[in-house]
Each structure stands twice: as structure tokens, then as C-alpha cells.
């Protein structure tokens, strides 16, 4: 390759890059604010009691592990869906909790620790929330007094999550609406 050919290639690359930069929308505080509004605001489990005292809301807890493939898929799909994020941020406090975390956690005056067993072990809080039925991912819904309303084991896609969130978030469970009836009648706008 001659110097002339190399110069021509570099010149074309530079022109292409400068044209490409005009096409890209610059990242501004406005675009990052929009992205932040479309993301779930995850609350640390240790901050949950303070948040509930400030403003009572229902709680959704995503119990996951680092090695769980379905947990990662749920993070990439369901929890990234803008309608799910918007509704969760309006009606719930959302908590991500690694069921194998080693740190001691104090909630409601009670201390929870990691329990080693087998190759991995589990955290006492995860064991308590899941009533010993360890399955990942699992979703736990609590009311604003931190009383457990339901445990949903397994991967949930966005339409299924939407249905569950709205059943509790819109007060259907409090009104005594049977889940089976609601499940048949509710049509999620999420496809």
C-alpha cells in the first residue's frame, strides 16, 4: 500500500467519523434525566424502613443470585421495560436482594446473617422471605407494613409482571378480588 492510498483511506475514515458524529444525538442532562425516569429506582434493603416511614408504599423484592441466568434475563428485559419501571416507581419501593450476600442485615429490629450450606449457602433474609423454598429469580410482594402478600418463583416477562404489579398496586387484592378472576379479565397493554 502506498502512502497516497493510506492517506486516502485515513482521510475517508476521518470524513466518515465526522459525518457520523452529526447523526448521533449528544448526551445531555435532559436525555439522562429521561433515561433515569424510565429506570426502576432500586432501594437498598437497609434503607427500606426509612423510606416506608417517610411515605408508605407496597414493596417488590427481586431475589436473585450472581450465577442465575434467568435473573439476568429478567434484569435485561422485564425490569428494563419502561412501562414496568414507570409503574413500579409510582406504586412500589423496589429492592434487589442477592440471596447469597454475606453481609449482616438488620430489619425491624431483627438481625439476618448468611448461612453457609452446601457449595453456596443463603442469607437468612432470603430464606425468611422465600419461606425456605429457594428459587431464583423470585419476586416477593410486601404491603406497606412489610407483611408478605405473595411469593412468585421464577422468571416473569413484562406482561405477566404488569398483571401482578397492578393486581396489588391498584388494590384489587385488598378489595377481595380473586386472583383467578383478575388473571382472566386483566389485559396488559404490554406486549
C-alpha atoms as a PDB file:
ATOM      1  CA  UNK A   1       0.000   0.000   0.000  1.00  0.00           C
ATOM      2  CA  UNK A   2       1.412   3.363  -0.998  1.00  0.00           C
ATOM      3  CA  UNK A   3       1.475   6.480   1.164  1.00  0.00           C
ATOM      4  CA  UNK A   4      -1.062   8.050  -1.185  1.00  0.00           C
ATOM      5  CA  UNK A   5      -3.511   5.142  -0.716  1.00  0.00           C
ATOM      6  CA  UNK A   6      -3.002   5.168   3.066  1.00  0.00           C
ATOM      7  CA  UNK A   7      -3.621   8.925   3.191  1.00  0.00           C
ATOM      8  CA  UNK A   8      -6.787   8.485   1.142  1.00  0.00           C
ATOM      9  CA  UNK A   9      -8.097   5.736   3.477  1.00  0.00           C
ATOM     10  CA  UNK A  10      -7.336   7.779   6.599  1.00  0.00           C
ATOM     11  CA  UNK A  11      -8.986  10.825   5.017  1.00  0.00           C
ATOM     12  CA  UNK A  12     -12.126   8.848   4.174  1.00  0.00           C
ATOM     13  CA  UNK A  13     -12.251   7.435   7.697  1.00  0.00           C
ATOM     14  CA  UNK A  14     -11.987  10.905   9.215  1.00  0.00           C
ATOM     15  CA  UNK A  15     -14.738  12.233   6.938  1.00  0.00           C
ATOM     16  CA  UNK A  16     -16.946   9.247   7.803  1.00  0.00           C
ATOM     17  CA  UNK A  17     -16.362   9.730  11.534  1.00  0.00           C
ATOM     18  CA  UNK A  18     -17.185  13.430  11.372  1.00  0.00           C
ATOM     19  CA  UNK A  19     -20.394  12.718   9.412  1.00  0.00           C
ATOM     20  CA  UNK A  20     -21.316  10.010  11.931  1.00  0.00           C
ATOM     21  CA  UNK A  21     -20.874  12.433  14.837  1.00  0.00           C
ATOM     22  CA  UNK A  22     -23.536  14.728  13.329  1.00  0.00           C
ATOM     23  CA  UNK A  23     -26.015  11.837  13.292  1.00  0.00           C
ATOM     24  CA  UNK A  24     -25.500  10.959  16.948  1.00  0.00           C
ATOM     25  CA  UNK A  25     -27.629  12.834  19.427  1.00  0.00           C
ATOM     26  CA  UNK A  26     -25.401  14.368  22.077  1.00  0.00           C
ATOM     27  CA  UNK A  27     -25.907  13.150  25.633  1.00  0.00           C
ATOM     28  CA  UNK A  28     -27.336  15.986  27.659  1.00  0.00           C
ATOM     29  CA  UNK A  29     -28.726  16.224  31.156  1.00  0.00           C
ATOM     30  CA  UNK A  30     -32.186  16.084  29.552  1.00  0.00           C
ATOM     31  CA  UNK A  31     -31.522  12.717  27.862  1.00  0.00           C
ATOM     32  CA  UNK A  32     -30.010  11.250  31.020  1.00  0.00           C
ATOM     33  CA  UNK A  33     -32.996  12.516  33.067  1.00  0.00           C
ATOM     34  CA  UNK A  34     -35.383  10.780  30.662  1.00  0.00           C
ATOM     35  CA  UNK A  35     -33.404   7.540  30.900  1.00  0.00           C
ATOM     36  CA  UNK A  36     -33.400   7.780  34.699  1.00  0.00           C
ATOM     37  CA  UNK A  37     -37.195   8.224  34.762  1.00  0.00           C
ATOM     38  CA  UNK A  38     -37.582   5.092  32.666  1.00  0.00           C
ATOM     39  CA  UNK A  39     -35.424   3.005  35.011  1.00  0.00           C
ATOM     40  CA  UNK A  40     -36.547   1.418  38.244  1.00  0.00           C
ATOM     41  CA  UNK A  41     -35.305   3.270  41.291  1.00  0.00           C
ATOM     42  CA  UNK A  42     -33.857   0.404  43.332  1.00  0.00           C
ATOM     43  CA  UNK A  43     -33.806   0.962  47.085  1.00  0.00           C
ATOM     44  CA  UNK A  44     -31.251  -0.710  49.342  1.00  0.00           C
ATOM     45  CA  UNK A  45     -32.848  -3.194  51.713  1.00  0.00           C
ATOM     46  CA  UNK A  46     -31.207  -1.332  54.594  1.00  0.00           C
ATOM     47  CA  UNK A  47     -32.946   1.928  53.545  1.00  0.00           C
ATOM     48  CA  UNK A  48     -36.380   0.379  53.147  1.00  0.00           C
ATOM     49  CA  UNK A  49     -37.703   1.027  56.669  1.00  0.00           C
ATOM     50  CA  UNK A  50     -36.795   4.719  56.480  1.00  0.00           C
ATOM     51  CA  UNK A  51     -38.435   5.064  53.067  1.00  0.00           C
ATOM     52  CA  UNK A  52     -41.608   3.338  54.301  1.00  0.00           C
ATOM     53  CA  UNK A  53     -41.731   5.649  57.331  1.00  0.00           C
ATOM     54  CA  UNK A  54     -41.465   8.707  55.038  1.00  0.00           C
ATOM     55  CA  UNK A  55     -44.021   7.504  52.502  1.00  0.00           C
ATOM     56  CA  UNK A  56     -45.824   4.166  52.903  1.00  0.00           C
ATOM     57  CA  UNK A  57     -45.912   2.089  49.712  1.00  0.00           C
ATOM     58  CA  UNK A  58     -46.009  -1.517  48.718  1.00  0.00           C
ATOM     59  CA  UNK A  59     -42.661  -3.252  48.226  1.00  0.00           C
ATOM     60  CA  UNK A  60     -41.430  -5.524  45.454  1.00  0.00           C
ATOM     61  CA  UNK A  61     -38.306  -7.536  46.217  1.00  0.00           C
ATOM     62  CA  UNK A  62     -36.316  -9.171  43.433  1.00  0.00           C
ATOM     63  CA  UNK A  63     -34.392 -12.072  44.964  1.00  0.00           C
ATOM     64  CA  UNK A  64     -31.523 -13.094  42.716  1.00  0.00           C
ATOM     65  CA  UNK A  65     -28.055 -14.627  42.684  1.00  0.00           C
ATOM     66  CA  UNK A  66     -24.996 -13.686  40.642  1.00  0.00           C
ATOM     67  CA  UNK A  67     -24.955 -17.061  38.868  1.00  0.00           C
ATOM     68  CA  UNK A  68     -28.655 -17.113  37.885  1.00  0.00           C
ATOM     69  CA  UNK A  69     -29.168 -16.783  34.124  1.00  0.00           C
ATOM     70  CA  UNK A  70     -32.934 -16.184  34.382  1.00  0.00           C
ATOM     71  CA  UNK A  71     -32.268 -13.432  36.937  1.00  0.00           C
ATOM     72  CA  UNK A  72     -30.006 -11.680  34.433  1.00  0.00           C
ATOM     73  CA  UNK A  73     -32.589 -12.084  31.680  1.00  0.00           C
ATOM     74  CA  UNK A  74     -35.271 -10.584  33.912  1.00  0.00           C
ATOM     75  CA  UNK A  75     -32.951  -7.618  34.593  1.00  0.00           C
ATOM     76  CA  UNK A  76     -32.367  -7.127  30.838  1.00  0.00           C
ATOM     77  CA  UNK A  77     -35.999  -7.454  29.810  1.00  0.00           C
ATOM     78  CA  UNK A  78     -38.724  -7.154  32.425  1.00  0.00           C
ATOM     79  CA  UNK A  79     -37.069  -4.648  34.752  1.00  0.00           C
ATOM     80  CA  UNK A  80     -35.810  -2.542  31.828  1.00  0.00           C
ATOM     81  CA  UNK A  81     -39.288  -2.221  30.305  1.00  0.00           C
ATOM     82  CA  UNK A  82     -40.231   1.458  30.563  1.00  0.00           C
ATOM     83  CA  UNK A  83     -43.882   0.787  31.494  1.00  0.00           C
ATOM     84  CA  UNK A  84     -42.875  -1.622  34.257  1.00  0.00           C
ATOM     85  CA  UNK A  85     -40.313   0.853  35.576  1.00  0.00           C
ATOM     86  CA  UNK A  86     -42.790   3.726  35.490  1.00  0.00           C
ATOM     87  CA  UNK A  87     -45.466   1.779  37.366  1.00  0.00           C
ATOM     88  CA  UNK A  88     -43.040   0.356  39.941  1.00  0.00           C
ATOM     89  CA  UNK A  89     -41.644   3.823  40.651  1.00  0.00           C
ATOM     90  CA  UNK A  90     -45.177   5.194  41.158  1.00  0.00           C
ATOM     91  CA  UNK A  91     -46.608   2.489  43.389  1.00  0.00           C
ATOM     92  CA  UNK A  92     -43.785   0.478  44.975  1.00  0.00           C
ATOM     93  CA  UNK A  93     -40.393   0.562  46.562  1.00  0.00           C
ATOM     94  CA  UNK A  94     -38.267  -1.838  44.558  1.00  0.00           C
ATOM     95  CA  UNK A  95     -35.495  -3.799  46.260  1.00  0.00           C
ATOM     96  CA  UNK A  96     -32.911  -6.052  44.625  1.00  0.00           C
ATOM     97  CA  UNK A  97     -31.563  -8.560  47.087  1.00  0.00           C
ATOM     98  CA  UNK A  98     -28.757 -11.015  46.376  1.00  0.00           C
ATOM     99  CA  UNK A  99     -29.873 -14.148  48.222  1.00  0.00           C
ATOM    100  CA  UNK A 100     -26.229 -15.122  48.761  1.00  0.00           C
ATOM    101  CA  UNK A 101     -24.959 -11.832  50.164  1.00  0.00           C
ATOM    102  CA  UNK A 102     -22.591 -12.320  53.084  1.00  0.00           C
ATOM    103  CA  UNK A 103     -23.343  -9.096  54.977  1.00  0.00           C
ATOM    104  CA  UNK A 104     -25.398  -8.908  58.165  1.00  0.00           C
ATOM    105  CA  UNK A 105     -28.662  -7.021  57.697  1.00  0.00           C
ATOM    106  CA  UNK A 106     -30.890  -5.539  60.401  1.00  0.00           C
ATOM    107  CA  UNK A 107     -34.568  -5.060  59.623  1.00  0.00           C
ATOM    108  CA  UNK A 108     -37.387  -4.375  62.067  1.00  0.00           C
ATOM    109  CA  UNK A 109     -35.012  -4.892  64.969  1.00  0.00           C
ATOM    110  CA  UNK A 110     -34.065  -8.357  63.752  1.00  0.00           C
ATOM    111  CA  UNK A 111     -30.625  -9.399  62.540  1.00  0.00           C
ATOM    112  CA  UNK A 112     -30.201 -11.619  59.485  1.00  0.00           C
ATOM    113  CA  UNK A 113     -26.934 -13.349  58.508  1.00  0.00           C
ATOM    114  CA  UNK A 114     -25.515 -15.523  55.775  1.00  0.00           C
ATOM    115  CA  UNK A 115     -25.821 -19.256  56.424  1.00  0.00           C
ATOM    116  CA  UNK A 116     -23.226 -21.397  54.672  1.00  0.00           C
ATOM    117  CA  UNK A 117     -24.583 -24.696  53.415  1.00  0.00           C
ATOM    118  CA  UNK A 118     -23.613 -26.850  50.510  1.00  0.00           C
ATOM    119  CA  UNK A 119     -21.464 -25.145  47.894  1.00  0.00           C
ATOM    120  CA  UNK A 120     -23.089 -21.754  48.235  1.00  0.00           C
ATOM    121  CA  UNK A 121     -25.335 -21.092  51.199  1.00  0.00           C
ATOM    122  CA  UNK A 122     -28.046 -18.480  51.532  1.00  0.00           C
ATOM    123  CA  UNK A 123     -28.857 -15.380  53.502  1.00  0.00           C
ATOM    124  CA  UNK A 124     -31.350 -15.741  56.362  1.00  0.00           C
ATOM    125  CA  UNK A 125     -33.407 -12.860  54.998  1.00  0.00           C
ATOM    126  CA  UNK A 126     -33.804 -14.639  51.651  1.00  0.00           C
ATOM    127  CA  UNK A 127     -34.703 -17.869  53.443  1.00  0.00           C
ATOM    128  CA  UNK A 128     -37.306 -15.996  55.502  1.00  0.00           C
ATOM    129  CA  UNK A 129     -38.774 -14.127  52.528  1.00  0.00           C
ATOM    130  CA  UNK A 130     -38.992 -17.291  50.431  1.00  0.00           C
ATOM    131  CA  UNK A 131     -40.174 -19.433  53.356  1.00  0.00           C
ATOM    132  CA  UNK A 132     -37.275 -21.790  52.751  1.00  0.00           C
ATOM    133  CA  UNK A 133     -38.265 -22.551  49.137  1.00  0.00           C
ATOM    134  CA  UNK A 134     -35.122 -21.240  47.481  1.00  0.00           C
ATOM    135  CA  UNK A 135     -35.717 -20.488  43.808  1.00  0.00           C
ATOM    136  CA  UNK A 136     -34.166 -17.762  41.663  1.00  0.00           C
ATOM    137  CA  UNK A 137     -35.328 -15.407  40.500  1.00  0.00           C
ATOM    138  CA  UNK A 138     -38.185 -14.977  42.944  1.00  0.00           C
ATOM    139  CA  UNK A 139     -40.377 -11.941  43.401  1.00  0.00           C
ATOM    140  CA  UNK A 140     -41.836 -11.096  46.796  1.00  0.00           C
ATOM    141  CA  UNK A 141     -44.580  -8.509  47.250  1.00  0.00           C
ATOM    142  CA  UNK A 142     -44.971  -6.855  50.661  1.00  0.00           C
ATOM    143  CA  UNK A 143     -47.578  -4.376  51.822  1.00  0.00           C
ATOM    144  CA  UNK A 144     -46.564  -1.031  53.304  1.00  0.00           C
ATOM    145  CA  UNK A 145     -46.269  -2.648  56.774  1.00  0.00           C
ATOM    146  CA  UNK A 146     -43.733  -5.145  55.346  1.00  0.00           C
ATOM    147  CA  UNK A 147     -46.201  -8.015  55.627  1.00  0.00           C
ATOM    148  CA  UNK A 148     -45.743 -10.596  52.905  1.00  0.00           C
ATOM    149  CA  UNK A 149     -48.559 -10.718  50.369  1.00  0.00           C
ATOM    150  CA  UNK A 150     -47.160 -13.233  47.902  1.00  0.00           C
ATOM    151  CA  UNK A 151     -44.089 -15.057  46.635  1.00  0.00           C
ATOM    152  CA  UNK A 152     -43.745 -15.639  42.892  1.00  0.00           C
ATOM    153  CA  UNK A 153     -40.918 -18.007  41.963  1.00  0.00           C
ATOM    154  CA  UNK A 154     -39.359 -17.960  38.513  1.00  0.00           C
ATOM    155  CA  UNK A 155     -38.840 -15.675  35.574  1.00  0.00           C
ATOM    156  CA  UNK A 156     -41.614 -13.175  34.845  1.00  0.00           C
ATOM    157  CA  UNK A 157     -41.886 -11.485  31.458  1.00  0.00           C
ATOM    158  CA  UNK A 158     -43.132  -7.887  31.284  1.00  0.00           C
ATOM    159  CA  UNK A 159     -46.844  -8.673  30.605  1.00  0.00           C
ATOM    160  CA  UNK A 160     -47.006 -11.171  33.494  1.00  0.00           C
ATOM    161  CA  UNK A 161     -45.160  -8.769  35.811  1.00  0.00           C
ATOM    162  CA  UNK A 162     -47.513  -5.963  34.773  1.00  0.00           C
ATOM    163  CA  UNK A 163     -50.526  -8.087  35.739  1.00  0.00           C
ATOM    164  CA  UNK A 164     -49.070  -8.973  39.152  1.00  0.00           C
ATOM    165  CA  UNK A 165     -47.968  -5.408  39.909  1.00  0.00           C
ATOM    166  CA  UNK A 166     -51.385  -3.989  39.028  1.00  0.00           C
ATOM    167  CA  UNK A 167     -53.287  -6.642  40.993  1.00  0.00           C
ATOM    168  CA  UNK A 168     -51.582  -5.497  44.173  1.00  0.00           C
ATOM    169  CA  UNK A 169     -50.715  -1.901  43.247  1.00  0.00           C
ATOM    170  CA  UNK A 170     -54.254  -0.976  42.179  1.00  0.00           C
ATOM    171  CA  UNK A 171     -55.717  -2.542  45.330  1.00  0.00           C
ATOM    172  CA  UNK A 172     -57.537  -5.496  43.751  1.00  0.00           C
ATOM    173  CA  UNK A 173     -56.196  -7.883  46.397  1.00  0.00           C
ATOM    174  CA  UNK A 174     -57.339  -5.528  49.202  1.00  0.00           C
ATOM    175  CA  UNK A 175     -60.810  -5.355  47.649  1.00  0.00           C
ATOM    176  CA  UNK A 176     -61.031  -9.148  47.766  1.00  0.00           C
ATOM    177  CA  UNK A 177     -60.862  -9.667  44.007  1.00  0.00           C
ATOM    178  CA  UNK A 178     -59.964 -13.292  43.399  1.00  0.00           C
ATOM    179  CA  UNK A 179     -56.619 -13.692  41.587  1.00  0.00           C
ATOM    180  CA  UNK A 180     -58.025 -16.259  39.131  1.00  0.00           C
ATOM    181  CA  UNK A 181     -60.832 -13.870  38.144  1.00  0.00           C
ATOM    182  CA  UNK A 182     -58.419 -10.942  37.804  1.00  0.00           C
ATOM    183  CA  UNK A 183     -55.927 -13.088  35.874  1.00  0.00           C
ATOM    184  CA  UNK A 184     -58.580 -13.995  33.280  1.00  0.00           C
ATOM    185  CA  UNK A 185     -60.003 -10.482  32.951  1.00  0.00           C
ATOM    186  CA  UNK A 186     -56.889  -8.284  33.009  1.00  0.00           C
ATOM    187  CA  UNK A 187     -55.342  -7.479  29.652  1.00  0.00           C
ATOM    188  CA  UNK A 188     -51.911  -5.923  29.876  1.00  0.00           C
ATOM    189  CA  UNK A 189     -51.117  -3.154  27.410  1.00  0.00           C
ATOM    190  CA  UNK A 190     -47.586  -4.530  27.346  1.00  0.00           C
ATOM    191  CA  UNK A 191     -46.900  -6.964  24.551  1.00  0.00           C
END
